Amino acid sequence: MRVIKIDKKDWESGVGKLFGDYSLFGPVKQGAFHNFAPLEKGQMPDLDYVNTRLSPKSVVYPQCETMFEYTLDETQPDHHVNKEIAKDYSPRAVLGIRPCDVKAIDLVNINFDNPQYQDPWWVQRRDALTTVALGCNNPCATCFCTTAGTGPFDDSCADVLLADMGDHYLAKVRTEKGEALVGKAGWSQDAAGEAGAMDDLAKQAESKISSKIETGKLASKVTTELYDADFWEDVAFSCINCGTCTYLCPTCWCFDIQDEVQGKDGCRMRNWDTCMSGLFTLHGTGHNPRPNKTARVRQRFMHKLKYYVDKYGDGIGCVGCGRCVQQCPVNIDIRRVCELMNRFEPGKECA
């Protein structure tokens, strides 16, 4: 790892040199919000933002993608045969992604790329991706990343981590992918002597995070006892099953596969899905093992805060970005639910 300095007057020219070698993505203001979007040649990412409304996971995991196409026309060769759609796996870079969102991509990776199963589309997009993270100088009031396994300047997952120092950026270049990107951009000014200033900025940012969660007892809880806890009805009372929490979440990975046919031509598509939907677990027989909103709300929190903990043993399935806290229309708060789950004791009423 090395630290370099990027004068802001050199930032735009450097980004300009990346077009052609990479498909670039970055935060763009869309109305009242920022979201990650493809950057056109000459367009700069807007780094003057706190957090995006949607996470940038769609860069590697599109919200909707066509997997196969087929024809039902029996006069055509290979009728009724799924043919894989050609996809773009050329190098891509996401600029200005927050450290928690980079961490989330690595967290989701465990589902799509593991010894038992490798999703070919995820794996190839992930391999093609270079992440240039931007540390959070001023985290949101709803951020609780420091107690969710990451932090405002977490450099454990990004290829490059930027720190905004006012008139320039300091950049920790951590990986070969990161070295290749800064080399193409022409950023090379050594700043090893300023690494301490970057660490000081990180400590200042961490001190601004007052929102915390306790997770230390989750692993020791008996799953069935937590499942039957007395607080789930109360937690779910106001839920309207809108799915906003899962749609915004950078660590949700559920999907559905559907066929769409027009005439005799069809395609098979993969779309994000949500455990908050009544259709999510609806069987072909008509049976639904999660028939009401309480069961669905419980599933969401049990998956992130208990099932993930038990299966992978590397923390919770959440990075503390606070999006679901900010955007829930009925103020359901994962921090409160985590507290209820962490301190739950069978036979003792939770308040």
Protein backbone atom coordinates (compact mmCIF):
# COMPACT_ATOMS: atom_id res chain seq x y z
CA MET A 1 0.00 0.00 0.00
CA ARG A 2 1.17 3.53 -0.73
CA VAL A 3 -0.23 7.02 -0.25
CA ILE A 4 -0.32 9.58 -3.06
CA LYS A 5 -1.53 13.16 -3.35
CA ILE A 6 -4.01 14.25 -6.03
CA ASP A 7 -4.40 18.00 -6.42
CA LYS A 8 -8.03 18.81 -7.18
CA LYS A 9 -6.91 20.71 -10.26
CA ASP A 10 -5.50 17.40 -11.52
CA TRP A 11 -8.51 15.32 -10.53
CA GLU A 12 -10.67 16.13 -13.56
CA SER A 13 -7.87 15.56 -16.08
CA GLY A 14 -7.02 12.25 -14.43
CA VAL A 15 -10.62 11.05 -14.52
CA GLY A 16 -10.77 12.12 -18.16
CA LYS A 17 -7.88 9.78 -18.97
CA LEU A 18 -9.82 6.83 -17.55
CA PHE A 19 -12.60 7.05 -20.13
CA GLY A 20 -11.94 4.45 -22.79
CA ASP A 21 -10.08 2.11 -20.46
CA TYR A 22 -12.99 1.86 -18.02
CA SER A 23 -16.74 2.22 -17.94
CA LEU A 24 -17.03 4.81 -15.17
CA PHE A 25 -19.74 5.13 -12.55
CA GLY A 26 -20.09 7.81 -9.89
CA PRO A 27 -22.50 9.82 -7.75
CA VAL A 28 -24.72 12.10 -9.82
CA LYS A 29 -27.34 14.49 -8.48
CA GLN A 30 -30.81 13.48 -9.64
CA GLY A 31 -33.39 15.93 -8.36
CA ALA A 32 -33.04 16.24 -4.60
CA PHE A 33 -30.90 13.10 -4.26
CA HIS A 34 -27.60 11.66 -5.38
CA ASN A 35 -27.46 8.24 -7.00
CA PHE A 36 -24.74 6.26 -8.73
CA ALA A 37 -25.01 6.30 -12.49
CA PRO A 38 -22.85 5.70 -15.59
CA LEU A 39 -20.69 8.72 -16.40
CA GLU A 40 -20.61 10.06 -19.93
CA LYS A 41 -17.24 11.05 -21.39
CA GLY A 42 -16.28 14.38 -19.85
CA GLN A 43 -18.78 14.06 -16.99
CA MET A 44 -17.32 14.18 -13.47
CA PRO A 45 -18.67 12.37 -10.42
CA ASP A 46 -20.25 14.80 -7.95
CA LEU A 47 -18.25 14.10 -4.80
CA ASP A 48 -19.99 16.84 -2.84
CA TYR A 49 -22.54 14.48 -1.32
CA VAL A 50 -23.19 12.76 2.00
CA ASN A 51 -24.73 9.50 0.82
CA THR A 52 -26.73 8.25 -2.12
CA ARG A 53 -30.35 7.23 -1.78
CA LEU A 54 -29.75 3.95 -3.62
CA SER A 55 -26.66 1.85 -3.03
CA PRO A 56 -24.23 1.33 -5.94
CA LYS A 57 -24.53 -2.47 -5.82
CA SER A 58 -26.31 -2.35 -9.20
CA VAL A 59 -22.89 -1.74 -10.82
CA VAL A 60 -22.17 -5.45 -10.27
CA TYR A 61 -25.69 -6.72 -9.58
CA PRO A 62 -28.21 -5.06 -11.93
CA GLN A 63 -31.71 -4.52 -10.64
CA CYS A 64 -33.02 -6.25 -13.77
CA GLU A 65 -31.04 -8.21 -16.33
CA THR A 66 -31.87 -10.51 -19.21
CA MET A 67 -30.20 -13.89 -18.77
CA PHE A 68 -31.39 -15.89 -21.77
CA GLU A 69 -33.50 -15.54 -24.88
CA TYR A 70 -35.41 -18.18 -26.81
CA THR A 71 -37.96 -18.76 -29.52
CA LEU A 72 -41.06 -20.94 -29.44
CA ASP A 73 -41.26 -20.92 -33.23
CA GLU A 74 -40.72 -24.55 -34.23
CA THR A 75 -39.74 -23.52 -37.74
CA GLN A 76 -36.58 -21.94 -36.33
CA PRO A 77 -33.42 -23.87 -35.44
CA ASP A 78 -32.79 -24.31 -31.70
CA HIS A 79 -36.40 -23.53 -30.84
CA HIS A 80 -37.24 -23.94 -27.15
CA VAL A 81 -33.53 -23.57 -26.28
CA ASN A 82 -32.30 -20.91 -23.86
CA LYS A 83 -29.42 -18.92 -25.37
CA GLU A 84 -27.30 -16.83 -23.02
CA ILE A 85 -27.35 -13.09 -23.65
CA ALA A 86 -23.96 -11.51 -24.36
CA LYS A 87 -22.85 -9.27 -21.49
CA ASP A 88 -20.23 -6.59 -20.98
CA TYR A 89 -17.42 -7.68 -18.66
CA SER A 90 -14.95 -5.01 -19.71
CA PRO A 91 -13.16 -3.08 -16.92
CA ARG A 92 -15.36 -0.72 -14.93
CA ALA A 93 -14.59 1.62 -12.06
CA VAL A 94 -16.86 3.22 -9.52
CA LEU A 95 -15.56 6.58 -8.27
CA GLY A 96 -16.58 8.08 -4.94
CA ILE A 97 -18.24 5.00 -3.49
CA ARG A 98 -18.47 5.10 0.30
CA PRO A 99 -16.39 2.59 2.28
CA CYS A 100 -19.54 0.99 3.74
CA ASP A 101 -20.86 0.34 0.23
CA VAL A 102 -17.58 -1.27 -0.83
CA LYS A 103 -17.80 -3.44 2.27
CA ALA A 104 -21.36 -4.34 1.29
CA ILE A 105 -20.23 -5.58 -2.13
CA ASP A 106 -17.72 -7.88 -0.44
CA LEU A 107 -20.41 -9.02 1.97
CA VAL A 108 -22.78 -9.89 -0.89
CA ASN A 109 -19.91 -11.62 -2.66
CA ILE A 110 -20.03 -14.42 -0.11
CA ASN A 111 -23.47 -15.36 -1.44
CA PHE A 112 -22.61 -15.30 -5.15
CA ASP A 113 -19.01 -16.55 -5.09
CA ASN A 114 -18.27 -19.34 -2.66
CA PRO A 115 -16.87 -22.90 -2.82
CA GLN A 116 -20.34 -24.37 -3.40
CA TYR A 117 -21.67 -21.88 -5.95
CA GLN A 118 -20.30 -19.25 -8.30
CA ASP A 119 -22.75 -17.01 -10.11
CA PRO A 120 -20.94 -16.41 -13.45
CA TRP A 121 -22.40 -12.95 -14.07
CA TRP A 122 -21.61 -11.66 -10.58
CA VAL A 123 -18.12 -13.16 -10.56
CA GLN A 124 -17.12 -11.66 -13.91
CA ARG A 125 -18.54 -8.22 -13.10
CA ARG A 126 -16.88 -8.26 -9.68
CA ASP A 127 -13.55 -9.24 -11.22
CA ALA A 128 -13.88 -6.39 -13.73
CA LEU A 129 -14.60 -3.78 -11.03
CA THR A 130 -12.18 -1.30 -9.49
CA THR A 131 -13.45 0.65 -6.49
CA VAL A 132 -12.25 4.15 -5.65
CA ALA A 133 -13.80 4.87 -2.27
CA LEU A 134 -14.29 8.30 -0.72
CA GLY A 135 -13.99 8.56 3.05
CA CYS A 136 -16.85 10.19 4.95
CA ASN A 137 -15.61 13.39 6.60
CA ASN A 138 -19.10 14.10 7.94
CA PRO A 139 -21.16 10.90 8.38
CA CYS A 140 -24.96 11.03 8.51
CA ALA A 141 -26.71 11.09 11.86
CA THR A 142 -28.20 7.69 11.04
CA CYS A 143 -24.84 6.03 10.24
CA PHE A 144 -23.77 3.28 12.63
CA CYS A 145 -21.02 1.77 10.49
CA THR A 146 -18.34 1.71 13.21
CA THR A 147 -20.33 -0.89 15.18
CA ALA A 148 -21.40 -2.80 12.07
CA GLY A 149 -17.95 -3.98 11.02
CA THR A 150 -16.79 -1.06 8.92
CA GLY A 151 -16.23 2.70 9.28
CA PRO A 152 -16.14 6.08 7.51
CA PHE A 153 -12.55 5.50 6.34
CA ASP A 154 -12.49 1.69 6.26
CA ASP A 155 -9.82 0.74 3.72
CA SER A 156 -10.15 -3.04 4.03
CA CYS A 157 -12.09 -3.61 0.81
CA ALA A 158 -11.52 -0.67 -1.57
CA ASP A 159 -8.85 -0.70 -4.26
CA VAL A 160 -8.20 3.00 -3.60
CA LEU A 161 -9.40 5.09 -0.65
CA LEU A 162 -9.63 8.87 -1.06
CA ALA A 163 -9.62 11.44 1.71
CA ASP A 164 -10.81 14.97 0.92
CA MET A 165 -8.19 17.27 2.45
CA GLY A 166 -9.63 20.53 1.10
CA ASP A 167 -7.56 21.54 -1.91
CA HIS A 168 -6.38 18.01 -2.62
CA TYR A 169 -7.13 14.34 -2.08
CA LEU A 170 -4.91 11.86 -0.32
CA ALA A 171 -5.26 8.39 -1.76
CA LYS A 172 -4.32 5.04 -0.26
CA VAL A 173 -3.60 2.72 -3.17
CA ARG A 174 -4.17 -0.76 -1.81
CA THR A 175 -4.35 -3.26 -4.66
CA GLU A 176 -3.00 -4.06 -8.11
CA LYS A 177 -6.30 -2.88 -9.57
CA GLY A 178 -5.86 0.39 -7.72
CA GLU A 179 -2.30 0.78 -8.97
CA ALA A 180 -3.45 0.19 -12.55
CA LEU A 181 -6.16 2.84 -12.26
CA VAL A 182 -4.03 5.59 -10.72
CA GLY A 183 -1.33 4.80 -13.28
CA LYS A 184 -3.74 5.32 -16.18
CA ALA A 185 -5.00 8.53 -14.55
CA GLY A 186 -1.44 9.83 -14.17
CA TRP A 187 -1.69 10.36 -10.43
CA SER A 188 1.70 9.60 -8.93
CA GLN A 189 2.73 12.34 -6.45
CA ASP A 190 4.12 10.55 -3.39
CA ALA A 191 2.57 11.60 -0.08
CA ALA A 192 3.83 8.99 2.35
CA GLY A 193 4.57 11.76 4.83
CA GLU A 194 0.90 12.77 4.93
CA ALA A 195 -0.48 9.35 5.84
CA GLY A 196 -0.83 10.52 9.44
CA ALA A 197 -3.09 13.38 8.38
CA MET A 198 -5.37 10.89 6.69
CA ASP A 199 -5.48 8.78 9.85
CA ASP A 200 -6.29 11.87 11.93
CA LEU A 201 -9.17 12.73 9.59
CA ALA A 202 -10.48 9.19 9.95
CA LYS A 203 -10.44 9.46 13.75
CA GLN A 204 -12.31 12.79 13.58
CA ALA A 205 -14.96 11.23 11.36
CA GLU A 206 -15.37 8.24 13.64
CA SER A 207 -15.83 10.54 16.64
CA LYS A 208 -18.82 12.12 14.89
CA ILE A 209 -20.72 8.84 14.78
CA SER A 210 -22.93 8.73 17.84
CA SER A 211 -25.30 6.02 16.62
CA LYS A 212 -24.23 2.55 17.73
CA ILE A 213 -25.52 -1.00 17.90
CA GLU A 214 -24.63 -3.91 20.18
CA THR A 215 -24.21 -7.27 18.43
CA GLY A 216 -22.00 -9.26 20.79
CA LYS A 217 -24.73 -11.58 22.10
CA LEU A 218 -26.46 -12.38 18.80
CA ALA A 219 -24.38 -15.49 18.04
CA SER A 220 -25.18 -17.07 21.40
CA LYS A 221 -28.94 -16.69 21.05
CA VAL A 222 -30.93 -19.84 20.35
CA THR A 223 -32.43 -19.29 16.91
CA THR A 224 -35.82 -20.82 17.66
CA GLU A 225 -36.18 -18.83 20.88
CA LEU A 226 -35.33 -15.58 19.07
CA TYR A 227 -37.75 -16.54 16.30
CA ASP A 228 -40.54 -16.89 18.89
CA ALA A 229 -39.64 -13.70 20.79
CA ASP A 230 -42.49 -11.55 22.03
CA PHE A 231 -41.44 -8.32 20.30
CA TRP A 232 -42.03 -9.18 16.62
CA GLU A 233 -45.67 -8.11 16.55
CA ASP A 234 -44.70 -4.74 17.99
CA VAL A 235 -41.80 -4.30 15.55
CA ALA A 236 -44.02 -5.12 12.57
CA PHE A 237 -47.11 -3.20 13.72
CA SER A 238 -46.58 -0.14 11.51
CA CYS A 239 -44.98 -1.93 8.53
CA ILE A 240 -46.79 -1.48 5.21
CA ASN A 241 -44.66 -4.06 3.33
CA CYS A 242 -43.53 -1.42 0.82
CA GLY A 243 -40.08 -3.03 0.49
CA THR A 244 -38.25 0.32 0.63
CA CYS A 245 -35.78 -1.07 3.18
CA THR A 246 -34.72 -3.98 0.99
CA TYR A 247 -34.73 -1.98 -2.24
CA LEU A 248 -32.29 0.56 -0.77
CA CYS A 249 -30.16 -1.94 1.15
CA PRO A 250 -26.62 -2.53 -0.16
CA THR A 251 -26.49 -6.03 1.35
CA CYS A 252 -29.80 -7.49 0.15
CA TRP A 253 -29.22 -10.11 -2.54
CA CYS A 254 -32.55 -11.87 -3.12
CA PHE A 255 -33.82 -12.19 -6.68
CA ASP A 256 -36.62 -13.71 -8.72
CA ILE A 257 -36.43 -15.24 -12.20
CA GLN A 258 -39.27 -14.60 -14.63
CA ASP A 259 -40.02 -15.32 -18.28
CA GLU A 260 -41.48 -12.69 -20.57
CA VAL A 261 -42.95 -13.75 -23.91
CA GLN A 262 -44.21 -11.66 -26.80
CA GLY A 263 -45.60 -13.67 -29.65
CA LYS A 264 -43.21 -16.57 -30.05
CA ASP A 265 -40.12 -14.77 -28.75
CA GLY A 266 -39.23 -14.87 -25.09
CA CYS A 267 -36.55 -14.03 -22.58
CA ARG A 268 -35.68 -15.12 -19.06
CA MET A 269 -34.90 -12.28 -16.66
CA ARG A 270 -33.44 -11.94 -13.18
CA ASN A 271 -34.89 -9.16 -11.01
CA TRP A 272 -34.22 -8.00 -7.48
CA ASP A 273 -36.83 -9.40 -5.12
CA THR A 274 -37.73 -8.66 -1.52
CA CYS A 275 -38.67 -10.79 1.47
CA MET A 276 -41.09 -8.01 2.38
CA SER A 277 -43.39 -8.98 -0.49
CA GLY A 278 -46.30 -11.35 0.10
CA LEU A 279 -45.44 -13.09 -3.17
CA PHE A 280 -41.84 -13.79 -2.18
CA THR A 281 -42.55 -17.16 -0.55
CA LEU A 282 -45.87 -17.97 -2.22
CA HIS A 283 -45.78 -21.59 -3.37
CA GLY A 284 -47.38 -22.91 -6.54
CA THR A 285 -49.82 -24.81 -4.33
CA GLY A 286 -51.08 -21.55 -2.86
CA HIS A 287 -49.39 -22.17 0.50
CA ASN A 288 -47.34 -19.29 1.89
CA PRO A 289 -45.05 -20.03 4.86
CA ARG A 290 -44.82 -16.29 5.58
CA PRO A 291 -48.46 -15.29 5.17
CA ASN A 292 -48.45 -12.00 7.10
CA LYS A 293 -46.31 -8.92 7.55
CA THR A 294 -45.05 -9.97 10.98
CA ALA A 295 -43.52 -13.12 9.50
CA ARG A 296 -41.95 -11.10 6.70
CA VAL A 297 -40.54 -8.39 8.97
CA ARG A 298 -39.12 -11.07 11.26
CA GLN A 299 -37.46 -12.76 8.27
CA ARG A 300 -35.72 -9.55 7.21
CA PHE A 301 -34.15 -8.92 10.60
CA MET A 302 -33.46 -12.55 11.44
CA HIS A 303 -31.63 -12.99 8.15
CA LYS A 304 -29.37 -9.96 8.61
CA LEU A 305 -28.81 -10.20 12.34
CA LYS A 306 -29.04 -13.91 13.16
CA TYR A 307 -29.05 -16.32 10.20
CA TYR A 308 -26.11 -14.53 8.54
CA VAL A 309 -24.23 -14.45 11.85
CA ASP A 310 -24.73 -18.18 12.38
CA LYS A 311 -23.91 -19.25 8.82
CA TYR A 312 -20.83 -17.16 8.12
CA GLY A 313 -19.49 -16.22 11.55
CA ASP A 314 -17.99 -12.93 10.32
CA GLY A 315 -20.31 -10.29 11.74
CA ILE A 316 -23.80 -9.19 10.77
CA GLY A 317 -25.34 -8.88 7.31
CA CYS A 318 -25.45 -5.10 7.57
CA VAL A 319 -22.88 -2.33 7.11
CA GLY A 320 -24.62 0.42 9.06
CA CYS A 321 -25.22 2.79 6.13
CA GLY A 322 -28.50 3.97 7.69
CA ARG A 323 -30.48 4.10 4.43
CA CYS A 324 -33.33 1.98 5.75
CA VAL A 325 -33.52 4.16 8.87
CA GLN A 326 -33.68 7.34 6.80
CA GLN A 327 -36.16 6.17 4.21
CA CYS A 328 -38.62 3.89 6.05
CA PRO A 329 -41.99 5.68 5.74
CA VAL A 330 -43.18 4.33 9.11
CA ASN A 331 -39.92 4.74 11.08
CA ILE A 332 -39.00 1.11 11.68
CA ASP A 333 -35.41 1.27 12.90
CA ILE A 334 -32.95 -1.62 12.51
CA ARG A 335 -30.87 -0.20 15.38
CA ARG A 336 -33.77 -0.66 17.80
CA VAL A 337 -34.53 -4.14 16.48
CA CYS A 338 -30.89 -5.13 16.85
CA GLU A 339 -30.99 -3.95 20.45
CA LEU A 340 -34.12 -6.01 21.13
CA MET A 341 -32.54 -9.10 19.58
CA ASN A 342 -29.17 -8.67 21.28
CA ARG A 343 -30.60 -8.35 24.78
CA PHE A 344 -33.47 -10.81 24.38
CA GLU A 345 -33.78 -13.41 27.12
CA PRO A 346 -36.50 -16.11 26.98
CA GLY A 347 -39.23 -15.53 29.53
CA LYS A 348 -38.31 -11.90 30.02
CA GLU A 349 -40.57 -9.32 28.42
CA CYS A 350 -38.84 -6.95 26.00
CA ALA A 351 -39.78 -3.29 25.96
